[in-house]
Amino acid sequence: MLTCKAAGKPKPILTWTIVGSSKVLSNTSTLTIINVRRPGRRDNAIRYQCTAFNGVQSPATATAIIIVYYPPTTTILLTVPGNNTVLKGSIVSLKCDTDASPLAHVYHFYFNDNHIGRSDSGVFHVTAEKDGNYTCVPLNTVGMGDNATVIVTVVGKFNK
């Protein structure tokens, strides 16, 4: 709940809006935000503005930013350069990306459910030896989030 107070003669009228929008969210001193169920980048760090106007002086405004912390969600795992069929012995770069607040600070990587390493950047390099599932599990200070898996098929042999 956000609260806005203003004084003046005549008594000012208070309105709440989102900065950049003219849609009035509330005509009272409080703004209650409910049902934040699946927060994401698009819905986070929204700037709410309270405007006090009494018809005599210029409107006074105050802004509040709401930041919602949530574990990683909508995680994707890609192979770089983008081909999931690779030559045996070749290096495969796995790139894990996720939406999280705060940002994910560690990414754990698994091959066929066995932990093979971790990365602070979300990028992990492996030597492809056999077919299997690579999985990324991102973490932030809120917790563990959605994981993502990519199936890699190994063919032939890489000539060094």
N, C-alpha and C. Protein backbone atom coordinates (compact mmCIF):
# COMPACT_ATOMS: atom_id res chain seq x y z
N MET A 1 0.85 -1.17 0.00
CA MET A 1 0.00 0.00 0.00
C MET A 1 0.90 1.23 0.00
N LEU A 2 0.61 2.15 -0.89
CA LEU A 2 1.32 3.43 -0.95
C LEU A 2 0.41 4.51 -0.41
N THR A 3 1.00 5.43 0.35
CA THR A 3 0.22 6.52 0.94
C THR A 3 0.79 7.86 0.51
N CYS A 4 -0.11 8.78 0.20
CA CYS A 4 0.28 10.12 -0.23
C CYS A 4 -0.48 11.12 0.63
N LYS A 5 0.24 12.12 1.13
CA LYS A 5 -0.40 13.14 1.95
C LYS A 5 -0.04 14.52 1.40
N ALA A 6 -1.02 15.40 1.43
CA ALA A 6 -0.79 16.78 0.98
C ALA A 6 -1.73 17.70 1.74
N ALA A 7 -1.25 18.92 1.96
CA ALA A 7 -2.07 19.92 2.66
C ALA A 7 -2.14 21.18 1.81
N GLY A 8 -3.20 21.94 2.00
CA GLY A 8 -3.34 23.20 1.28
C GLY A 8 -4.74 23.75 1.42
N LYS A 9 -4.92 25.00 0.99
CA LYS A 9 -6.24 25.63 1.00
C LYS A 9 -6.48 26.16 -0.39
N PRO A 10 -7.52 25.71 -1.04
CA PRO A 10 -8.41 24.63 -0.60
C PRO A 10 -7.68 23.28 -0.53
N LYS A 11 -8.33 22.34 0.13
CA LYS A 11 -7.75 21.01 0.30
C LYS A 11 -7.49 20.39 -1.08
N PRO A 12 -6.27 19.86 -1.30
CA PRO A 12 -5.96 19.29 -2.62
C PRO A 12 -6.66 17.96 -2.87
N ILE A 13 -6.91 17.72 -4.14
CA ILE A 13 -7.43 16.43 -4.60
C ILE A 13 -6.23 15.57 -4.97
N LEU A 14 -6.23 14.33 -4.51
CA LEU A 14 -5.11 13.42 -4.78
C LEU A 14 -5.50 12.41 -5.85
N THR A 15 -4.58 12.16 -6.76
CA THR A 15 -4.79 11.11 -7.77
C THR A 15 -3.50 10.31 -7.92
N TRP A 16 -3.67 9.01 -8.14
CA TRP A 16 -2.55 8.10 -8.39
C TRP A 16 -2.59 7.65 -9.84
N THR A 17 -1.43 7.72 -10.51
CA THR A 17 -1.28 7.24 -11.88
C THR A 17 0.06 6.51 -11.99
N ILE A 18 0.25 5.84 -13.11
CA ILE A 18 1.57 5.31 -13.45
C ILE A 18 2.24 6.39 -14.28
N VAL A 19 3.50 6.69 -13.97
CA VAL A 19 4.22 7.74 -14.70
C VAL A 19 4.15 7.44 -16.19
N GLY A 20 3.73 8.44 -16.96
CA GLY A 20 3.60 8.29 -18.40
C GLY A 20 2.21 7.91 -18.85
N SER A 21 1.31 7.65 -17.90
CA SER A 21 -0.06 7.28 -18.24
C SER A 21 -1.02 8.28 -17.61
N SER A 22 -2.13 8.53 -18.27
CA SER A 22 -3.13 9.44 -17.70
C SER A 22 -4.24 8.68 -16.97
N LYS A 23 -4.20 7.35 -17.03
CA LYS A 23 -5.24 6.54 -16.38
C LYS A 23 -5.11 6.66 -14.86
N VAL A 24 -6.19 7.10 -14.22
CA VAL A 24 -6.19 7.27 -12.77
C VAL A 24 -6.43 5.92 -12.11
N LEU A 25 -5.50 5.56 -11.21
CA LEU A 25 -5.61 4.29 -10.49
C LEU A 25 -6.37 4.43 -9.18
N SER A 26 -6.30 5.62 -8.58
CA SER A 26 -6.99 5.87 -7.32
C SER A 26 -7.20 7.36 -7.15
N ASN A 27 -8.32 7.72 -6.52
CA ASN A 27 -8.61 9.12 -6.20
C ASN A 27 -8.55 9.35 -4.69
N THR A 28 -7.84 8.49 -3.99
CA THR A 28 -7.72 8.62 -2.54
C THR A 28 -6.25 8.77 -2.18
N SER A 29 -5.99 8.92 -0.90
CA SER A 29 -4.60 9.08 -0.45
C SER A 29 -3.80 7.79 -0.51
N THR A 30 -4.49 6.66 -0.69
CA THR A 30 -3.78 5.37 -0.72
C THR A 30 -3.96 4.67 -2.06
N LEU A 31 -2.93 3.94 -2.42
CA LEU A 31 -2.97 3.09 -3.60
C LEU A 31 -2.59 1.70 -3.13
N THR A 32 -3.50 0.76 -3.31
CA THR A 32 -3.23 -0.62 -2.91
C THR A 32 -2.99 -1.45 -4.16
N ILE A 33 -1.85 -2.15 -4.16
CA ILE A 33 -1.50 -3.01 -5.29
C ILE A 33 -1.69 -4.44 -4.81
N ILE A 34 -2.58 -5.15 -5.50
CA ILE A 34 -2.88 -6.53 -5.09
C ILE A 34 -2.61 -7.49 -6.24
N ASN A 35 -2.54 -8.75 -5.87
CA ASN A 35 -2.43 -9.84 -6.85
C ASN A 35 -1.19 -9.77 -7.74
N VAL A 36 -0.03 -9.59 -7.13
CA VAL A 36 1.22 -9.70 -7.89
C VAL A 36 1.55 -11.19 -7.88
N ARG A 37 1.05 -11.90 -8.90
CA ARG A 37 1.18 -13.36 -8.91
C ARG A 37 2.39 -13.85 -9.67
N ARG A 38 2.63 -13.35 -10.84
CA ARG A 38 3.77 -13.77 -11.67
C ARG A 38 4.53 -12.53 -12.12
N PRO A 39 5.29 -11.94 -11.21
CA PRO A 39 6.01 -10.73 -11.61
C PRO A 39 7.04 -11.04 -12.68
N GLY A 40 7.36 -10.05 -13.46
CA GLY A 40 8.36 -10.19 -14.50
C GLY A 40 8.96 -8.84 -14.82
N ARG A 41 9.91 -8.82 -15.73
CA ARG A 41 10.58 -7.57 -16.10
C ARG A 41 9.59 -6.48 -16.48
N ARG A 42 8.58 -6.87 -17.24
CA ARG A 42 7.62 -5.88 -17.74
C ARG A 42 6.82 -5.25 -16.61
N ASP A 43 6.56 -6.01 -15.56
CA ASP A 43 5.71 -5.53 -14.47
C ASP A 43 6.51 -5.00 -13.28
N ASN A 44 7.82 -4.97 -13.40
CA ASN A 44 8.63 -4.60 -12.25
C ASN A 44 9.17 -3.19 -12.39
N ALA A 45 9.51 -2.60 -11.26
CA ALA A 45 10.07 -1.25 -11.20
C ALA A 45 9.15 -0.23 -11.86
N ILE A 46 7.87 -0.40 -11.62
CA ILE A 46 6.89 0.56 -12.15
C ILE A 46 6.90 1.81 -11.27
N ARG A 47 6.86 2.96 -11.90
CA ARG A 47 6.88 4.23 -11.19
C ARG A 47 5.44 4.73 -11.03
N TYR A 48 4.99 4.77 -9.78
CA TYR A 48 3.66 5.27 -9.46
C TYR A 48 3.79 6.72 -9.01
N GLN A 49 2.84 7.55 -9.45
CA GLN A 49 2.91 8.97 -9.13
C GLN A 49 1.64 9.44 -8.46
N CYS A 50 1.82 10.13 -7.35
CA CYS A 50 0.70 10.79 -6.67
C CYS A 50 0.75 12.26 -7.04
N THR A 51 -0.38 12.79 -7.46
CA THR A 51 -0.48 14.20 -7.81
C THR A 51 -1.49 14.87 -6.89
N ALA A 52 -1.07 15.97 -6.29
CA ALA A 52 -1.96 16.76 -5.43
C ALA A 52 -2.24 18.08 -6.14
N PHE A 53 -3.53 18.38 -6.32
CA PHE A 53 -3.91 19.60 -7.03
C PHE A 53 -5.10 20.25 -6.33
N ASN A 54 -4.94 21.54 -6.03
CA ASN A 54 -6.05 22.23 -5.37
C ASN A 54 -6.66 23.34 -6.23
N GLY A 55 -6.24 23.44 -7.49
CA GLY A 55 -6.82 24.42 -8.39
C GLY A 55 -6.24 25.81 -8.24
N VAL A 56 -5.40 26.03 -7.25
CA VAL A 56 -4.81 27.35 -7.02
C VAL A 56 -3.34 27.35 -7.41
N GLN A 57 -2.62 26.41 -6.85
CA GLN A 57 -1.18 26.31 -7.13
C GLN A 57 -0.92 25.24 -8.18
N SER A 58 0.30 25.20 -8.65
CA SER A 58 0.69 24.13 -9.58
C SER A 58 0.59 22.79 -8.87
N PRO A 59 0.26 21.72 -9.61
CA PRO A 59 0.17 20.40 -8.99
C PRO A 59 1.52 19.99 -8.38
N ALA A 60 1.45 19.34 -7.24
CA ALA A 60 2.64 18.77 -6.60
C ALA A 60 2.62 17.27 -6.86
N THR A 61 3.78 16.70 -7.12
CA THR A 61 3.84 15.26 -7.40
C THR A 61 4.88 14.58 -6.53
N ALA A 62 4.65 13.32 -6.27
CA ALA A 62 5.61 12.45 -5.58
C ALA A 62 5.58 11.11 -6.30
N THR A 63 6.74 10.49 -6.42
CA THR A 63 6.84 9.23 -7.16
C THR A 63 7.38 8.13 -6.25
N ALA A 64 6.84 6.94 -6.43
CA ALA A 64 7.32 5.75 -5.71
C ALA A 64 7.55 4.64 -6.74
N ILE A 65 8.64 3.93 -6.56
CA ILE A 65 8.95 2.81 -7.44
C ILE A 65 8.80 1.52 -6.64
N ILE A 66 8.03 0.60 -7.18
CA ILE A 66 7.82 -0.70 -6.53
C ILE A 66 8.69 -1.73 -7.24
N ILE A 67 9.58 -2.35 -6.46
CA ILE A 67 10.42 -3.42 -7.00
C ILE A 67 10.00 -4.71 -6.32
N VAL A 68 9.64 -5.69 -7.12
CA VAL A 68 9.21 -6.99 -6.61
C VAL A 68 10.35 -7.98 -6.84
N TYR A 69 10.75 -8.67 -5.78
CA TYR A 69 11.78 -9.70 -5.90
C TYR A 69 11.12 -11.04 -6.14
N TYR A 70 11.66 -11.81 -7.09
CA TYR A 70 11.09 -13.11 -7.43
C TYR A 70 12.18 -14.02 -7.96
N PRO A 71 11.99 -15.34 -7.82
CA PRO A 71 13.00 -16.28 -8.31
C PRO A 71 13.01 -16.33 -9.83
N PRO A 72 14.05 -16.92 -10.41
CA PRO A 72 14.14 -17.01 -11.87
C PRO A 72 12.90 -17.67 -12.49
N THR A 73 12.46 -17.11 -13.61
CA THR A 73 11.30 -17.63 -14.32
C THR A 73 11.54 -17.49 -15.82
N THR A 74 10.74 -18.16 -16.60
CA THR A 74 10.84 -18.17 -18.08
C THR A 74 12.28 -18.36 -18.55
N THR A 75 12.92 -19.39 -18.00
CA THR A 75 14.31 -19.70 -18.33
C THR A 75 14.39 -20.37 -19.70
N ILE A 76 15.40 -19.97 -20.47
CA ILE A 76 15.66 -20.62 -21.76
C ILE A 76 17.12 -21.04 -21.80
N LEU A 77 17.38 -22.15 -22.48
CA LEU A 77 18.74 -22.67 -22.65
C LEU A 77 18.97 -22.90 -24.13
N LEU A 78 20.02 -22.29 -24.65
CA LEU A 78 20.34 -22.40 -26.07
C LEU A 78 21.75 -22.94 -26.24
N THR A 79 21.96 -23.63 -27.36
CA THR A 79 23.32 -23.99 -27.74
C THR A 79 23.82 -22.91 -28.69
N VAL A 80 25.09 -22.58 -28.56
CA VAL A 80 25.68 -21.56 -29.41
C VAL A 80 26.72 -22.24 -30.29
N PRO A 81 26.59 -22.14 -31.63
CA PRO A 81 25.89 -21.14 -32.41
C PRO A 81 24.43 -21.46 -32.70
N GLY A 82 23.83 -22.46 -32.14
CA GLY A 82 22.40 -22.66 -32.34
C GLY A 82 22.02 -24.00 -32.92
N ASN A 83 22.98 -24.86 -33.15
CA ASN A 83 22.69 -26.17 -33.71
C ASN A 83 22.76 -27.21 -32.60
N ASN A 84 21.70 -27.98 -32.41
CA ASN A 84 21.67 -28.99 -31.35
C ASN A 84 22.24 -30.32 -31.79
N THR A 85 22.65 -30.43 -33.05
CA THR A 85 23.35 -31.62 -33.54
C THR A 85 24.80 -31.22 -33.76
N VAL A 86 25.71 -31.89 -33.03
CA VAL A 86 27.12 -31.48 -33.04
C VAL A 86 28.01 -32.69 -33.29
N LEU A 87 29.24 -32.42 -33.69
CA LEU A 87 30.22 -33.49 -33.90
C LEU A 87 30.80 -33.93 -32.56
N LYS A 88 31.01 -35.24 -32.42
CA LYS A 88 31.59 -35.79 -31.20
C LYS A 88 32.96 -35.14 -30.97
N GLY A 89 33.20 -34.70 -29.74
CA GLY A 89 34.46 -34.08 -29.38
C GLY A 89 34.50 -32.57 -29.58
N SER A 90 33.46 -32.02 -30.17
CA SER A 90 33.45 -30.57 -30.38
C SER A 90 33.00 -29.85 -29.11
N ILE A 91 33.35 -28.58 -29.05
CA ILE A 91 32.96 -27.75 -27.91
C ILE A 91 31.57 -27.17 -28.17
N VAL A 92 30.71 -27.33 -27.18
CA VAL A 92 29.35 -26.78 -27.25
C VAL A 92 29.24 -25.71 -26.17
N SER A 93 28.79 -24.55 -26.56
CA SER A 93 28.54 -23.48 -25.60
C SER A 93 27.06 -23.47 -25.27
N LEU A 94 26.76 -23.53 -23.99
CA LEU A 94 25.38 -23.47 -23.52
C LEU A 94 25.15 -22.07 -22.96
N LYS A 95 24.07 -21.46 -23.38
CA LYS A 95 23.74 -20.11 -22.90
C LYS A 95 22.38 -20.15 -22.24
N CYS A 96 22.37 -19.83 -20.96
CA CYS A 96 21.15 -19.86 -20.16
C CYS A 96 20.72 -18.42 -19.87
N ASP A 97 19.44 -18.13 -20.10
CA ASP A 97 18.91 -16.80 -19.83
C ASP A 97 17.62 -16.95 -19.05
N THR A 98 17.39 -16.03 -18.13
CA THR A 98 16.21 -16.11 -17.29
C THR A 98 15.76 -14.71 -16.89
N ASP A 99 14.53 -14.62 -16.46
CA ASP A 99 13.98 -13.38 -15.92
C ASP A 99 13.95 -13.55 -14.41
N ALA A 100 14.62 -12.67 -13.68
CA ALA A 100 14.67 -12.79 -12.22
C ALA A 100 14.92 -11.41 -11.61
N SER A 101 14.47 -11.24 -10.39
CA SER A 101 14.74 -10.01 -9.66
C SER A 101 15.00 -10.35 -8.19
N PRO A 102 16.22 -10.13 -7.72
CA PRO A 102 17.37 -9.63 -8.46
C PRO A 102 17.85 -10.64 -9.50
N LEU A 103 18.78 -10.22 -10.33
CA LEU A 103 19.29 -11.09 -11.39
C LEU A 103 19.84 -12.39 -10.82
N ALA A 104 19.79 -13.44 -11.63
CA ALA A 104 20.38 -14.71 -11.22
C ALA A 104 21.88 -14.49 -11.01
N HIS A 105 22.43 -15.08 -9.94
CA HIS A 105 23.85 -14.89 -9.66
C HIS A 105 24.66 -16.16 -9.87
N VAL A 106 23.98 -17.27 -10.05
CA VAL A 106 24.68 -18.53 -10.36
C VAL A 106 23.75 -19.41 -11.18
N TYR A 107 24.37 -20.14 -12.10
CA TYR A 107 23.64 -21.06 -12.98
C TYR A 107 24.31 -22.42 -12.83
N HIS A 108 23.53 -23.43 -12.45
CA HIS A 108 24.05 -24.80 -12.37
C HIS A 108 23.69 -25.54 -13.65
N PHE A 109 24.63 -26.32 -14.15
CA PHE A 109 24.43 -27.07 -15.39
C PHE A 109 24.50 -28.56 -15.11
N TYR A 110 23.60 -29.29 -15.76
CA TYR A 110 23.50 -30.74 -15.59
C TYR A 110 23.51 -31.42 -16.95
N PHE A 111 24.09 -32.62 -16.99
CA PHE A 111 24.01 -33.46 -18.18
C PHE A 111 23.34 -34.75 -17.75
N ASN A 112 22.19 -35.05 -18.33
CA ASN A 112 21.40 -36.23 -17.95
C ASN A 112 21.24 -36.34 -16.44
N ASP A 113 20.87 -35.23 -15.81
CA ASP A 113 20.60 -35.11 -14.38
C ASP A 113 21.83 -35.19 -13.48
N ASN A 114 23.03 -35.20 -14.05
CA ASN A 114 24.26 -35.18 -13.25
C ASN A 114 24.89 -33.79 -13.33
N HIS A 115 25.21 -33.23 -12.17
CA HIS A 115 25.78 -31.88 -12.12
C HIS A 115 27.15 -31.88 -12.80
N ILE A 116 27.34 -30.96 -13.74
CA ILE A 116 28.62 -30.91 -14.47
C ILE A 116 29.35 -29.58 -14.25
N GLY A 117 28.72 -28.62 -13.61
CA GLY A 117 29.40 -27.37 -13.34
C GLY A 117 28.46 -26.22 -13.10
N ARG A 118 29.08 -25.06 -12.90
CA ARG A 118 28.31 -23.85 -12.64
C ARG A 118 28.95 -22.67 -13.34
N SER A 119 28.17 -21.62 -13.47
CA SER A 119 28.64 -20.41 -14.14
C SER A 119 28.00 -19.21 -13.47
N ASP A 120 28.76 -18.13 -13.39
CA ASP A 120 28.20 -16.88 -12.87
C ASP A 120 27.55 -16.06 -13.97
N SER A 121 27.91 -16.35 -15.23
CA SER A 121 27.42 -15.56 -16.36
C SER A 121 26.25 -16.20 -17.11
N GLY A 122 26.01 -17.48 -16.88
CA GLY A 122 24.97 -18.18 -17.62
C GLY A 122 25.50 -18.87 -18.86
N VAL A 123 26.82 -18.75 -19.12
CA VAL A 123 27.44 -19.41 -20.26
C VAL A 123 28.35 -20.52 -19.74
N PHE A 124 28.23 -21.70 -20.35
CA PHE A 124 29.02 -22.86 -19.91
C PHE A 124 29.45 -23.63 -21.15
N HIS A 125 30.71 -24.05 -21.19
CA HIS A 125 31.26 -24.76 -22.35
C HIS A 125 31.49 -26.22 -21.98
N VAL A 126 31.06 -27.12 -22.87
CA VAL A 126 31.25 -28.56 -22.65
C VAL A 126 31.79 -29.20 -23.93
N THR A 127 32.45 -30.34 -23.74
CA THR A 127 32.88 -31.14 -24.88
C THR A 127 31.82 -32.20 -25.11
N ALA A 128 31.24 -32.22 -26.30
CA ALA A 128 30.15 -33.15 -26.61
C ALA A 128 30.72 -34.54 -26.86
N GLU A 129 30.34 -35.49 -26.03
CA GLU A 129 30.80 -36.87 -26.18
C GLU A 129 29.67 -37.83 -26.52
N LYS A 130 28.46 -37.55 -26.00
CA LYS A 130 27.32 -38.43 -26.29
C LYS A 130 26.02 -37.65 -26.23
N ASP A 131 25.00 -38.24 -26.85
CA ASP A 131 23.67 -37.62 -26.86
C ASP A 131 23.18 -37.44 -25.43
N GLY A 132 22.39 -36.41 -25.23
CA GLY A 132 21.79 -36.25 -23.91
C GLY A 132 21.13 -34.92 -23.70
N ASN A 133 20.63 -34.77 -22.49
CA ASN A 133 19.91 -33.57 -22.07
C ASN A 133 20.81 -32.70 -21.22
N TYR A 134 20.97 -31.45 -21.63
CA TYR A 134 21.67 -30.47 -20.82
C TYR A 134 20.61 -29.58 -20.18
N THR A 135 20.76 -29.35 -18.89
CA THR A 135 19.79 -28.57 -18.13
C THR A 135 20.49 -27.44 -17.40
N CYS A 136 19.85 -26.30 -17.38
CA CYS A 136 20.33 -25.14 -16.63
C CYS A 136 19.34 -24.85 -15.51
N VAL A 137 19.89 -24.65 -14.29
CA VAL A 137 19.07 -24.29 -13.14
C VAL A 137 19.62 -22.97 -12.58
N PRO A 138 18.92 -21.85 -12.81
CA PRO A 138 19.40 -20.56 -12.31
C PRO A 138 18.95 -20.31 -10.87
N LEU A 139 19.77 -19.55 -10.14
CA LEU A 139 19.45 -19.17 -8.77
C LEU A 139 19.70 -17.69 -8.57
N ASN A 140 18.86 -17.08 -7.73
CA ASN A 140 19.14 -15.73 -7.26
C ASN A 140 18.94 -15.73 -5.75
N THR A 141 18.99 -14.57 -5.12
CA THR A 141 18.89 -14.53 -3.66
C THR A 141 17.50 -14.90 -3.15
N VAL A 142 16.50 -14.91 -4.03
CA VAL A 142 15.15 -15.32 -3.63
C VAL A 142 15.04 -16.84 -3.63
N GLY A 143 15.73 -17.49 -4.57
CA GLY A 143 15.69 -18.95 -4.61
C GLY A 143 15.96 -19.52 -5.98
N MET A 144 15.65 -20.81 -6.09
CA MET A 144 15.81 -21.53 -7.35
C MET A 144 14.56 -21.32 -8.19
N GLY A 145 14.77 -21.15 -9.48
CA GLY A 145 13.63 -20.90 -10.34
C GLY A 145 13.41 -21.97 -11.37
N ASP A 146 12.67 -21.60 -12.41
CA ASP A 146 12.40 -22.51 -13.51
C ASP A 146 13.70 -22.94 -14.16
N ASN A 147 13.80 -24.22 -14.50
CA ASN A 147 14.97 -24.66 -15.24
C ASN A 147 14.60 -24.82 -16.71
N ALA A 148 15.63 -25.05 -17.53
CA ALA A 148 15.41 -25.24 -18.96
C ALA A 148 16.35 -26.34 -19.44
N THR A 149 15.88 -27.12 -20.42
CA THR A 149 16.65 -28.24 -20.94
C THR A 149 16.73 -28.16 -22.45
N VAL A 150 17.89 -28.57 -22.98
CA VAL A 150 18.08 -28.67 -24.41
C VAL A 150 18.65 -30.07 -24.69
N ILE A 151 18.16 -30.69 -25.75
CA ILE A 151 18.64 -32.02 -26.14
C ILE A 151 19.72 -31.85 -27.20
N VAL A 152 20.88 -32.44 -26.94
CA VAL A 152 22.00 -32.36 -27.88
C VAL A 152 22.24 -33.75 -28.47
N THR A 153 22.31 -33.80 -29.78
CA THR A 153 22.59 -35.05 -30.50
C THR A 153 24.02 -34.99 -31.01
N VAL A 154 24.79 -36.04 -30.71
CA VAL A 154 26.20 -36.11 -31.11
C VAL A 154 26.33 -37.06 -32.29
N VAL A 155 27.03 -36.60 -33.34
CA VAL A 155 27.23 -37.42 -34.54
C VAL A 155 28.70 -37.40 -34.94
N GLY A 156 29.13 -38.39 -35.69
CA GLY A 156 30.47 -38.41 -36.27
C GLY A 156 31.56 -38.18 -35.27
N LYS A 157 32.65 -37.59 -35.76
CA LYS A 157 33.79 -37.31 -34.90
C LYS A 157 34.40 -35.98 -35.32
N PHE A 158 34.78 -35.20 -34.33
CA PHE A 158 35.41 -33.91 -34.56
C PHE A 158 36.89 -34.13 -34.82
N ASN A 159 37.41 -33.60 -35.92
CA ASN A 159 38.83 -33.70 -36.23
C ASN A 159 39.54 -32.44 -35.76
N LYS A 160 40.48 -32.64 -34.86
CA LYS A 160 41.20 -31.49 -34.28
C LYS A 160 42.28 -31.01 -35.19
